[in-house]
Amino acid sequence: DDAMAEKAPYEIYWPKEDDNNDNGSGT
C-alpha cells in the first residue's frame, strides 16, 4: 500500500518546540 502511494519506508517524529515545557509522559 505504501509503495503504491509512493511513500518512503520511514517516518520521523520531531517534538514541537511549543511543547518544550510540557511534562507529559512518553519519554
mmCIF file of all heavy atoms, coordinates in Angstrom:
data_MODEL
# 
_entry.id   MODEL 
# 
loop_
_atom_site.group_PDB 
_atom_site.id 
_atom_site.type_symbol 
_atom_site.label_atom_id 
_atom_site.label_alt_id 
_atom_site.label_comp_id 
_atom_site.label_asym_id 
_atom_site.label_entity_id 
_atom_site.label_seq_id 
_atom_site.pdbx_PDB_ins_code 
_atom_site.Cartn_x 
_atom_site.Cartn_y 
_atom_site.Cartn_z 
_atom_site.occupancy 
_atom_site.B_iso_or_equiv 
_atom_site.pdbx_formal_charge 
_atom_site.auth_seq_id 
_atom_site.auth_comp_id 
_atom_site.auth_asym_id 
_atom_site.auth_atom_id 
_atom_site.pdbx_PDB_model_num 
ATOM 1   N N   . ASP A 1 1  ? 0.823  -1.212 0.000  1.00 0.00 ? 1  ASP A N   1 
ATOM 2   C CA  . ASP A 1 1  ? 0.000  0.000  0.000  1.00 0.00 ? 1  ASP A CA  1 
ATOM 3   C C   . ASP A 1 1  ? 0.857  1.261  0.000  1.00 0.00 ? 1  ASP A C   1 
ATOM 4   O O   . ASP A 1 1  ? 0.582  2.216  -0.741 1.00 0.00 ? 1  ASP A O   1 
ATOM 5   C CB  . ASP A 1 1  ? -0.948 0.001  1.203  1.00 0.00 ? 1  ASP A CB  1 
ATOM 6   C CG  . ASP A 1 1  ? -2.029 -1.053 1.081  1.00 0.00 ? 1  ASP A CG  1 
ATOM 7   O OD1 . ASP A 1 1  ? -2.319 -1.479 -0.050 1.00 0.00 ? 1  ASP A OD1 1 
ATOM 8   O OD2 . ASP A 1 1  ? -2.587 -1.456 2.128  1.00 0.00 ? 1  ASP A OD2 1 
ATOM 9   N N   . ASP A 1 2  ? 1.901  1.284  0.837  1.00 0.00 ? 2  ASP A N   1 
ATOM 10  C CA  . ASP A 1 2  ? 2.764  2.466  0.890  1.00 0.00 ? 2  ASP A CA  1 
ATOM 11  C C   . ASP A 1 2  ? 3.553  2.629  -0.407 1.00 0.00 ? 2  ASP A C   1 
ATOM 12  O O   . ASP A 1 2  ? 3.811  3.755  -0.854 1.00 0.00 ? 2  ASP A O   1 
ATOM 13  C CB  . ASP A 1 2  ? 3.716  2.387  2.079  1.00 0.00 ? 2  ASP A CB  1 
ATOM 14  C CG  . ASP A 1 2  ? 3.036  2.722  3.395  1.00 0.00 ? 2  ASP A CG  1 
ATOM 15  O OD1 . ASP A 1 2  ? 1.894  3.215  3.362  1.00 0.00 ? 2  ASP A OD1 1 
ATOM 16  O OD2 . ASP A 1 2  ? 3.638  2.485  4.456  1.00 0.00 ? 2  ASP A OD2 1 
ATOM 17  N N   . ALA A 1 3  ? 3.948  1.515  -1.010 1.00 0.00 ? 3  ALA A N   1 
ATOM 18  C CA  . ALA A 1 3  ? 4.661  1.597  -2.283 1.00 0.00 ? 3  ALA A CA  1 
ATOM 19  C C   . ALA A 1 3  ? 3.766  2.196  -3.357 1.00 0.00 ? 3  ALA A C   1 
ATOM 20  O O   . ALA A 1 3  ? 4.205  3.050  -4.147 1.00 0.00 ? 3  ALA A O   1 
ATOM 21  C CB  . ALA A 1 3  ? 5.147  0.217  -2.700 1.00 0.00 ? 3  ALA A CB  1 
ATOM 22  N N   . MET A 1 4  ? 2.495  1.776  -3.389 1.00 0.00 ? 4  MET A N   1 
ATOM 23  C CA  . MET A 1 4  ? 1.576  2.314  -4.394 1.00 0.00 ? 4  MET A CA  1 
ATOM 24  C C   . MET A 1 4  ? 1.258  3.779  -4.131 1.00 0.00 ? 4  MET A C   1 
ATOM 25  O O   . MET A 1 4  ? 0.958  4.534  -5.056 1.00 0.00 ? 4  MET A O   1 
ATOM 26  C CB  . MET A 1 4  ? 0.286  1.488  -4.412 1.00 0.00 ? 4  MET A CB  1 
ATOM 27  C CG  . MET A 1 4  ? 0.488  0.035  -4.843 1.00 0.00 ? 4  MET A CG  1 
ATOM 28  S SD  . MET A 1 4  ? 1.371  -0.125 -6.411 1.00 0.00 ? 4  MET A SD  1 
ATOM 29  C CE  . MET A 1 4  ? 0.194  0.613  -7.540 1.00 0.00 ? 4  MET A CE  1 
ATOM 30  N N   . ALA A 1 5  ? 1.344  4.192  -2.860 1.00 0.00 ? 5  ALA A N   1 
ATOM 31  C CA  . ALA A 1 5  ? 1.109  5.592  -2.503 1.00 0.00 ? 5  ALA A CA  1 
ATOM 32  C C   . ALA A 1 5  ? 2.372  6.440  -2.661 1.00 0.00 ? 5  ALA A C   1 
ATOM 33  O O   . ALA A 1 5  ? 2.351  7.630  -2.356 1.00 0.00 ? 5  ALA A O   1 
ATOM 34  C CB  . ALA A 1 5  ? 0.598  5.687  -1.071 1.00 0.00 ? 5  ALA A CB  1 
ATOM 35  N N   . GLU A 1 6  ? 3.454  5.818  -3.123 1.00 0.00 ? 6  GLU A N   1 
ATOM 36  C CA  . GLU A 1 6  ? 4.735  6.492  -3.361 1.00 0.00 ? 6  GLU A CA  1 
ATOM 37  C C   . GLU A 1 6  ? 5.295  7.141  -2.092 1.00 0.00 ? 6  GLU A C   1 
ATOM 38  O O   . GLU A 1 6  ? 5.848  8.238  -2.121 1.00 0.00 ? 6  GLU A O   1 
ATOM 39  C CB  . GLU A 1 6  ? 4.618  7.519  -4.499 1.00 0.00 ? 6  GLU A CB  1 
ATOM 40  C CG  . GLU A 1 6  ? 4.275  6.892  -5.836 1.00 0.00 ? 6  GLU A CG  1 
ATOM 41  C CD  . GLU A 1 6  ? 4.343  7.887  -6.983 1.00 0.00 ? 6  GLU A CD  1 
ATOM 42  O OE1 . GLU A 1 6  ? 4.120  9.090  -6.739 1.00 0.00 ? 6  GLU A OE1 1 
ATOM 43  O OE2 . GLU A 1 6  ? 4.632  7.459  -8.116 1.00 0.00 ? 6  GLU A OE2 1 
ATOM 44  N N   . LYS A 1 7  ? 5.142  6.440  -0.965 1.00 0.00 ? 7  LYS A N   1 
ATOM 45  C CA  . LYS A 1 7  ? 5.723  6.899  0.286  1.00 0.00 ? 7  LYS A CA  1 
ATOM 46  C C   . LYS A 1 7  ? 7.104  6.281  0.463  1.00 0.00 ? 7  LYS A C   1 
ATOM 47  O O   . LYS A 1 7  ? 7.385  5.188  -0.038 1.00 0.00 ? 7  LYS A O   1 
ATOM 48  C CB  . LYS A 1 7  ? 4.844  6.509  1.472  1.00 0.00 ? 7  LYS A CB  1 
ATOM 49  C CG  . LYS A 1 7  ? 3.465  7.149  1.483  1.00 0.00 ? 7  LYS A CG  1 
ATOM 50  C CD  . LYS A 1 7  ? 2.679  6.682  2.699  1.00 0.00 ? 7  LYS A CD  1 
ATOM 51  C CE  . LYS A 1 7  ? 1.294  7.305  2.754  1.00 0.00 ? 7  LYS A CE  1 
ATOM 52  N NZ  . LYS A 1 7  ? 0.525  6.827  3.941  1.00 0.00 ? 7  LYS A NZ  1 
ATOM 53  N N   . ALA A 1 8  ? 7.976  6.964  1.191  1.00 0.00 ? 8  ALA A N   1 
ATOM 54  C CA  . ALA A 1 8  ? 9.248  6.377  1.586  1.00 0.00 ? 8  ALA A CA  1 
ATOM 55  C C   . ALA A 1 8  ? 9.014  5.497  2.814  1.00 0.00 ? 8  ALA A C   1 
ATOM 56  O O   . ALA A 1 8  ? 8.092  5.751  3.595  1.00 0.00 ? 8  ALA A O   1 
ATOM 57  C CB  . ALA A 1 8  ? 10.282 7.464  1.888  1.00 0.00 ? 8  ALA A CB  1 
ATOM 58  N N   . PRO A 1 9  ? 9.853  4.471  3.031  1.00 0.00 ? 9  PRO A N   1 
ATOM 59  C CA  . PRO A 1 9  ? 9.578  3.498  4.096  1.00 0.00 ? 9  PRO A CA  1 
ATOM 60  C C   . PRO A 1 9  ? 10.083 3.894  5.486  1.00 0.00 ? 9  PRO A C   1 
ATOM 61  O O   . PRO A 1 9  ? 10.487 3.042  6.264  1.00 0.00 ? 9  PRO A O   1 
ATOM 62  C CB  . PRO A 1 9  ? 10.293 2.243  3.588  1.00 0.00 ? 9  PRO A CB  1 
ATOM 63  C CG  . PRO A 1 9  ? 11.451 2.780  2.834  1.00 0.00 ? 9  PRO A CG  1 
ATOM 64  C CD  . PRO A 1 9  ? 10.975 4.042  2.177  1.00 0.00 ? 9  PRO A CD  1 
ATOM 65  N N   . TYR A 1 10 ? 10.068 5.174  5.791  1.00 0.00 ? 10 TYR A N   1 
ATOM 66  C CA  . TYR A 1 10 ? 10.486 5.602  7.135  1.00 0.00 ? 10 TYR A CA  1 
ATOM 67  C C   . TYR A 1 10 ? 9.715  6.851  7.530  1.00 0.00 ? 10 TYR A C   1 
ATOM 68  O O   . TYR A 1 10 ? 9.158  7.559  6.682  1.00 0.00 ? 10 TYR A O   1 
ATOM 69  C CB  . TYR A 1 10 ? 11.994 5.857  7.203  1.00 0.00 ? 10 TYR A CB  1 
ATOM 70  C CG  . TYR A 1 10 ? 12.483 7.027  6.376  1.00 0.00 ? 10 TYR A CG  1 
ATOM 71  C CD1 . TYR A 1 10 ? 12.662 8.282  6.943  1.00 0.00 ? 10 TYR A CD1 1 
ATOM 72  C CD2 . TYR A 1 10 ? 12.789 6.881  5.026  1.00 0.00 ? 10 TYR A CD2 1 
ATOM 73  C CE1 . TYR A 1 10 ? 13.117 9.356  6.194  1.00 0.00 ? 10 TYR A CE1 1 
ATOM 74  C CE2 . TYR A 1 10 ? 13.252 7.944  4.261  1.00 0.00 ? 10 TYR A CE2 1 
ATOM 75  C CZ  . TYR A 1 10 ? 13.411 9.179  4.849  1.00 0.00 ? 10 TYR A CZ  1 
ATOM 76  O OH  . TYR A 1 10 ? 13.855 10.243 4.100  1.00 0.00 ? 10 TYR A OH  1 
ATOM 77  N N   . GLU A 1 11 ? 9.687  7.109  8.843  1.00 0.00 ? 11 GLU A N   1 
ATOM 78  C CA  . GLU A 1 11 ? 8.989  8.274  9.399  1.00 0.00 ? 11 GLU A CA  1 
ATOM 79  C C   . GLU A 1 11 ? 9.839  8.879  10.506 1.00 0.00 ? 11 GLU A C   1 
ATOM 80  O O   . GLU A 1 11 ? 10.526 8.159  11.235 1.00 0.00 ? 11 GLU A O   1 
ATOM 81  C CB  . GLU A 1 11 ? 7.630  7.876  9.974  1.00 0.00 ? 11 GLU A CB  1 
ATOM 82  C CG  . GLU A 1 11 ? 6.663  7.274  8.961  1.00 0.00 ? 11 GLU A CG  1 
ATOM 83  C CD  . GLU A 1 11 ? 5.407  6.708  9.598  1.00 0.00 ? 11 GLU A CD  1 
ATOM 84  O OE1 . GLU A 1 11 ? 5.455  6.359  10.800 1.00 0.00 ? 11 GLU A OE1 1 
ATOM 85  O OE2 . GLU A 1 11 ? 4.386  6.600  8.890  1.00 0.00 ? 11 GLU A OE2 1 
ATOM 86  N N   . ILE A 1 12 ? 9.768  10.202 10.637 1.00 0.00 ? 12 ILE A N   1 
ATOM 87  C CA  . ILE A 1 12 ? 10.478 10.910 11.696 1.00 0.00 ? 12 ILE A CA  1 
ATOM 88  C C   . ILE A 1 12 ? 9.461  11.719 12.499 1.00 0.00 ? 12 ILE A C   1 
ATOM 89  O O   . ILE A 1 12 ? 8.711  12.515 11.920 1.00 0.00 ? 12 ILE A O   1 
ATOM 90  C CB  . ILE A 1 12 ? 11.565 11.845 11.128 1.00 0.00 ? 12 ILE A CB  1 
ATOM 91  C CG1 . ILE A 1 12 ? 12.588 11.035 10.311 1.00 0.00 ? 12 ILE A CG1 1 
ATOM 92  C CG2 . ILE A 1 12 ? 12.249 12.621 12.250 1.00 0.00 ? 12 ILE A CG2 1 
ATOM 93  C CD1 . ILE A 1 12 ? 13.616 11.895 9.590  1.00 0.00 ? 12 ILE A CD1 1 
ATOM 94  N N   . TYR A 1 13 ? 9.438  11.498 13.796 1.00 0.00 ? 13 TYR A N   1 
ATOM 95  C CA  . TYR A 1 13 ? 8.562  12.248 14.697 1.00 0.00 ? 13 TYR A CA  1 
ATOM 96  C C   . TYR A 1 13 ? 9.443  13.212 15.504 1.00 0.00 ? 13 TYR A C   1 
ATOM 97  O O   . TYR A 1 13 ? 10.272 12.774 16.307 1.00 0.00 ? 13 TYR A O   1 
ATOM 98  C CB  . TYR A 1 13 ? 7.802  11.306 15.628 1.00 0.00 ? 13 TYR A CB  1 
ATOM 99  C CG  . TYR A 1 13 ? 6.808  10.425 14.907 1.00 0.00 ? 13 TYR A CG  1 
ATOM 100 C CD1 . TYR A 1 13 ? 7.207  9.225  14.314 1.00 0.00 ? 13 TYR A CD1 1 
ATOM 101 C CD2 . TYR A 1 13 ? 5.458  10.784 14.814 1.00 0.00 ? 13 TYR A CD2 1 
ATOM 102 C CE1 . TYR A 1 13 ? 6.301  8.411  13.644 1.00 0.00 ? 13 TYR A CE1 1 
ATOM 103 C CE2 . TYR A 1 13 ? 4.548  9.988  14.141 1.00 0.00 ? 13 TYR A CE2 1 
ATOM 104 C CZ  . TYR A 1 13 ? 4.973  8.801  13.554 1.00 0.00 ? 13 TYR A CZ  1 
ATOM 105 O OH  . TYR A 1 13 ? 4.085  8.002  12.887 1.00 0.00 ? 13 TYR A OH  1 
ATOM 106 N N   . TRP A 1 14 ? 9.230  14.510 15.281 1.00 0.00 ? 14 TRP A N   1 
ATOM 107 C CA  . TRP A 1 14 ? 10.058 15.534 15.927 1.00 0.00 ? 14 TRP A CA  1 
ATOM 108 C C   . TRP A 1 14 ? 9.199  16.343 16.895 1.00 0.00 ? 14 TRP A C   1 
ATOM 109 O O   . TRP A 1 14 ? 8.166  16.871 16.518 1.00 0.00 ? 14 TRP A O   1 
ATOM 110 C CB  . TRP A 1 14 ? 10.651 16.458 14.863 1.00 0.00 ? 14 TRP A CB  1 
ATOM 111 C CG  . TRP A 1 14 ? 11.878 17.159 15.343 1.00 0.00 ? 14 TRP A CG  1 
ATOM 112 C CD1 . TRP A 1 14 ? 11.939 18.418 15.869 1.00 0.00 ? 14 TRP A CD1 1 
ATOM 113 C CD2 . TRP A 1 14 ? 13.214 16.660 15.342 1.00 0.00 ? 14 TRP A CD2 1 
ATOM 114 N NE1 . TRP A 1 14 ? 13.243 18.739 16.203 1.00 0.00 ? 14 TRP A NE1 1 
ATOM 115 C CE2 . TRP A 1 14 ? 14.049 17.670 15.895 1.00 0.00 ? 14 TRP A CE2 1 
ATOM 116 C CE3 . TRP A 1 14 ? 13.798 15.452 14.954 1.00 0.00 ? 14 TRP A CE3 1 
ATOM 117 C CZ2 . TRP A 1 14 ? 15.421 17.504 16.041 1.00 0.00 ? 14 TRP A CZ2 1 
ATOM 118 C CZ3 . TRP A 1 14 ? 15.158 15.289 15.100 1.00 0.00 ? 14 TRP A CZ3 1 
ATOM 119 C CH2 . TRP A 1 14 ? 15.950 16.304 15.634 1.00 0.00 ? 14 TRP A CH2 1 
ATOM 120 N N   . PRO A 1 15 ? 9.604  16.459 18.159 1.00 0.00 ? 15 PRO A N   1 
ATOM 121 C CA  . PRO A 1 15 ? 8.785  17.183 19.147 1.00 0.00 ? 15 PRO A CA  1 
ATOM 122 C C   . PRO A 1 15 ? 8.573  18.643 18.746 1.00 0.00 ? 15 PRO A C   1 
ATOM 123 O O   . PRO A 1 15 ? 9.504  19.314 18.285 1.00 0.00 ? 15 PRO A O   1 
ATOM 124 C CB  . PRO A 1 15 ? 9.618  17.091 20.428 1.00 0.00 ? 15 PRO A CB  1 
ATOM 125 C CG  . PRO A 1 15 ? 10.515 15.918 20.224 1.00 0.00 ? 15 PRO A CG  1 
ATOM 126 C CD  . PRO A 1 15 ? 10.822 15.886 18.760 1.00 0.00 ? 15 PRO A CD  1 
ATOM 127 N N   . LYS A 1 16 ? 7.357  19.121 18.932 1.00 0.00 ? 16 LYS A N   1 
ATOM 128 C CA  . LYS A 1 16 ? 7.053  20.520 18.663 1.00 0.00 ? 16 LYS A CA  1 
ATOM 129 C C   . LYS A 1 16 ? 7.755  21.397 19.690 1.00 0.00 ? 16 LYS A C   1 
ATOM 130 O O   . LYS A 1 16 ? 7.775  21.089 20.882 1.00 0.00 ? 16 LYS A O   1 
ATOM 131 C CB  . LYS A 1 16 ? 5.539  20.759 18.708 1.00 0.00 ? 16 LYS A CB  1 
ATOM 132 C CG  . LYS A 1 16 ? 4.773  20.033 17.606 1.00 0.00 ? 16 LYS A CG  1 
ATOM 133 C CD  . LYS A 1 16 ? 3.275  20.239 17.758 1.00 0.00 ? 16 LYS A CD  1 
ATOM 134 C CE  . LYS A 1 16 ? 2.878  21.668 17.458 1.00 0.00 ? 16 LYS A CE  1 
ATOM 135 N NZ  . LYS A 1 16 ? 3.095  22.024 16.030 1.00 0.00 ? 16 LYS A NZ  1 
ATOM 136 N N   . GLU A 1 17 ? 8.307  22.505 19.214 1.00 0.00 ? 17 GLU A N   1 
ATOM 137 C CA  . GLU A 1 17 ? 9.031  23.383 20.128 1.00 0.00 ? 17 GLU A CA  1 
ATOM 138 C C   . GLU A 1 17 ? 8.099  24.040 21.133 1.00 0.00 ? 17 GLU A C   1 
ATOM 139 O O   . GLU A 1 17 ? 8.508  24.371 22.233 1.00 0.00 ? 17 GLU A O   1 
ATOM 140 C CB  . GLU A 1 17 ? 9.791  24.444 19.331 1.00 0.00 ? 17 GLU A CB  1 
ATOM 141 C CG  . GLU A 1 17 ? 10.927 23.840 18.526 1.00 0.00 ? 17 GLU A CG  1 
ATOM 142 C CD  . GLU A 1 17 ? 11.889 24.878 17.992 1.00 0.00 ? 17 GLU A CD  1 
ATOM 143 O OE1 . GLU A 1 17 ? 11.657 26.079 18.230 1.00 0.00 ? 17 GLU A OE1 1 
ATOM 144 O OE2 . GLU A 1 17 ? 12.876 24.476 17.350 1.00 0.00 ? 17 GLU A OE2 1 
ATOM 145 N N   . ASP A 1 18 ? 6.815  24.183 20.787 1.00 0.00 ? 18 ASP A N   1 
ATOM 146 C CA  . ASP A 1 18 ? 5.854  24.768 21.727 1.00 0.00 ? 18 ASP A CA  1 
ATOM 147 C C   . ASP A 1 18 ? 5.666  23.885 22.941 1.00 0.00 ? 18 ASP A C   1 
ATOM 148 O O   . ASP A 1 18 ? 5.154  24.314 23.965 1.00 0.00 ? 18 ASP A O   1 
ATOM 149 C CB  . ASP A 1 18 ? 4.504  24.977 21.041 1.00 0.00 ? 18 ASP A CB  1 
ATOM 150 C CG  . ASP A 1 18 ? 4.559  26.082 20.006 1.00 0.00 ? 18 ASP A CG  1 
ATOM 151 O OD1 . ASP A 1 18 ? 5.511  26.876 20.043 1.00 0.00 ? 18 ASP A OD1 1 
ATOM 152 O OD2 . ASP A 1 18 ? 3.658  26.129 19.155 1.00 0.00 ? 18 ASP A OD2 1 
ATOM 153 N N   . ASP A 1 19 ? 6.069  22.585 22.835 1.00 0.00 ? 19 ASP A N   1 
ATOM 154 C CA  . ASP A 1 19 ? 5.869  21.638 23.933 1.00 0.00 ? 19 ASP A CA  1 
ATOM 155 C C   . ASP A 1 19 ? 7.109  21.490 24.798 1.00 0.00 ? 19 ASP A C   1 
ATOM 156 O O   . ASP A 1 19 ? 7.205  20.574 25.605 1.00 0.00 ? 19 ASP A O   1 
ATOM 157 C CB  . ASP A 1 19 ? 5.487  20.263 23.377 1.00 0.00 ? 19 ASP A CB  1 
ATOM 158 C CG  . ASP A 1 19 ? 4.144  20.289 22.680 1.00 0.00 ? 19 ASP A CG  1 
ATOM 159 O OD1 . ASP A 1 19 ? 3.325  21.160 23.010 1.00 0.00 ? 19 ASP A OD1 1 
ATOM 160 O OD2 . ASP A 1 19 ? 3.932  19.442 21.805 1.00 0.00 ? 19 ASP A OD2 1 
ATOM 161 N N   . ASN A 1 20 ? 8.080  22.370 24.653 1.00 0.00 ? 20 ASN A N   1 
ATOM 162 C CA  . ASN A 1 20 ? 9.338  22.210 25.379 1.00 0.00 ? 20 ASN A CA  1 
ATOM 163 C C   . ASN A 1 20 ? 9.168  22.145 26.889 1.00 0.00 ? 20 ASN A C   1 
ATOM 164 O O   . ASN A 1 20 ? 9.944  21.510 27.585 1.00 0.00 ? 20 ASN A O   1 
ATOM 165 C CB  . ASN A 1 20 ? 10.301 23.359 25.050 1.00 0.00 ? 20 ASN A CB  1 
ATOM 166 C CG  . ASN A 1 20 ? 11.026 23.111 23.739 1.00 0.00 ? 20 ASN A CG  1 
ATOM 167 O OD1 . ASN A 1 20 ? 10.937 22.032 23.184 1.00 0.00 ? 20 ASN A OD1 1 
ATOM 168 N ND2 . ASN A 1 20 ? 11.747 24.112 23.257 1.00 0.00 ? 20 ASN A ND2 1 
ATOM 169 N N   . ASN A 1 21 ? 8.159  22.823 27.400 1.00 0.00 ? 21 ASN A N   1 
ATOM 170 C CA  . ASN A 1 21 ? 7.957  22.827 28.853 1.00 0.00 ? 21 ASN A CA  1 
ATOM 171 C C   . ASN A 1 21 ? 6.898  21.845 29.299 1.00 0.00 ? 21 ASN A C   1 
ATOM 172 O O   . ASN A 1 21 ? 6.487  21.844 30.437 1.00 0.00 ? 21 ASN A O   1 
ATOM 173 C CB  . ASN A 1 21 ? 7.580  24.243 29.319 1.00 0.00 ? 21 ASN A CB  1 
ATOM 174 C CG  . ASN A 1 21 ? 8.706  25.236 29.093 1.00 0.00 ? 21 ASN A CG  1 
ATOM 175 O OD1 . ASN A 1 21 ? 9.865  24.895 29.287 1.00 0.00 ? 21 ASN A OD1 1 
ATOM 176 N ND2 . ASN A 1 21 ? 8.359  26.446 28.659 1.00 0.00 ? 21 ASN A ND2 1 
ATOM 177 N N   . ASP A 1 22 ? 6.474  20.990 28.362 1.00 0.00 ? 22 ASP A N   1 
ATOM 178 C CA  . ASP A 1 22 ? 5.435  20.019 28.695 1.00 0.00 ? 22 ASP A CA  1 
ATOM 179 C C   . ASP A 1 22 ? 6.023  18.878 29.510 1.00 0.00 ? 22 ASP A C   1 
ATOM 180 O O   . ASP A 1 22 ? 7.100  18.374 29.211 1.00 0.00 ? 22 ASP A O   1 
ATOM 181 C CB  . ASP A 1 22 ? 4.820  19.467 27.407 1.00 0.00 ? 22 ASP A CB  1 
ATOM 182 C CG  . ASP A 1 22 ? 3.735  18.453 27.696 1.00 0.00 ? 22 ASP A CG  1 
ATOM 183 O OD1 . ASP A 1 22 ? 2.874  18.726 28.544 1.00 0.00 ? 22 ASP A OD1 1 
ATOM 184 O OD2 . ASP A 1 22 ? 3.764  17.392 27.062 1.00 0.00 ? 22 ASP A OD2 1 
ATOM 185 N N   . ASN A 1 23 ? 5.339  18.475 30.553 1.00 0.00 ? 23 ASN A N   1 
ATOM 186 C CA  . ASN A 1 23 ? 5.811  17.385 31.402 1.00 0.00 ? 23 ASN A CA  1 
ATOM 187 C C   . ASN A 1 23 ? 5.068  16.093 31.131 1.00 0.00 ? 23 ASN A C   1 
ATOM 188 O O   . ASN A 1 23 ? 4.958  15.228 31.993 1.00 0.00 ? 23 ASN A O   1 
ATOM 189 C CB  . ASN A 1 23 ? 5.645  17.763 32.893 1.00 0.00 ? 23 ASN A CB  1 
ATOM 190 C CG  . ASN A 1 23 ? 6.574  18.880 33.293 1.00 0.00 ? 23 ASN A CG  1 
ATOM 191 O OD1 . ASN A 1 23 ? 7.729  18.889 32.880 1.00 0.00 ? 23 ASN A OD1 1 
ATOM 192 N ND2 . ASN A 1 23 ? 6.077  19.826 34.076 1.00 0.00 ? 23 ASN A ND2 1 
ATOM 193 N N   . GLY A 1 24 ? 4.558  15.949 29.906 1.00 0.00 ? 24 GLY A N   1 
ATOM 194 C CA  . GLY A 1 24 ? 3.770  14.774 29.568 1.00 0.00 ? 24 GLY A CA  1 
ATOM 195 C C   . GLY A 1 24 ? 4.581  13.507 29.585 1.00 0.00 ? 24 GLY A C   1 
ATOM 196 O O   . GLY A 1 24 ? 5.804  13.501 29.621 1.00 0.00 ? 24 GLY A O   1 
ATOM 197 N N   . SER A 1 25 ? 3.878  12.384 29.522 1.00 0.00 ? 25 SER A N   1 
ATOM 198 C CA  . SER A 1 25 ? 4.530  11.082 29.543 1.00 0.00 ? 25 SER A CA  1 
ATOM 199 C C   . SER A 1 25 ? 5.030  10.745 28.160 1.00 0.00 ? 25 SER A C   1 
ATOM 200 O O   . SER A 1 25 ? 4.860  11.475 27.209 1.00 0.00 ? 25 SER A O   1 
ATOM 201 C CB  . SER A 1 25 ? 3.555  10.014 30.031 1.00 0.00 ? 25 SER A CB  1 
ATOM 202 O OG  . SER A 1 25 ? 2.464  9.920  29.138 1.00 0.00 ? 25 SER A OG  1 
ATOM 203 N N   . GLY A 1 26 ? 5.653  9.566  28.062 1.00 0.00 ? 26 GLY A N   1 
ATOM 204 C CA  . GLY A 1 26 ? 6.068  9.079  26.760 1.00 0.00 ? 26 GLY A CA  1 
ATOM 205 C C   . GLY A 1 26 ? 7.546  9.250  26.485 1.00 0.00 ? 26 GLY A C   1 
ATOM 206 O O   . GLY A 1 26 ? 7.984  9.011  25.375 1.00 0.00 ? 26 GLY A O   1 
ATOM 207 N N   . THR A 1 27 ? 8.341  9.651  27.475 1.00 0.00 ? 27 THR A N   1 
ATOM 208 C CA  . THR A 1 27 ? 9.759  9.876  27.235 1.00 0.00 ? 27 THR A CA  1 
ATOM 209 C C   . THR A 1 27 ? 10.527 8.577  27.121 1.00 0.00 ? 27 THR A C   1 
ATOM 210 O O   . THR A 1 27 ? 11.515 8.492  26.419 1.00 0.00 ? 27 THR A O   1 
ATOM 211 C CB  . THR A 1 27 ? 10.384 10.726 28.348 1.00 0.00 ? 27 THR A CB  1 
ATOM 212 O OG1 . THR A 1 27 ? 10.185 10.054 29.606 1.00 0.00 ? 27 THR A OG1 1 
ATOM 213 C CG2 . THR A 1 27 ? 9.717  12.080 28.424 1.00 0.00 ? 27 THR A CG2 1 
# 
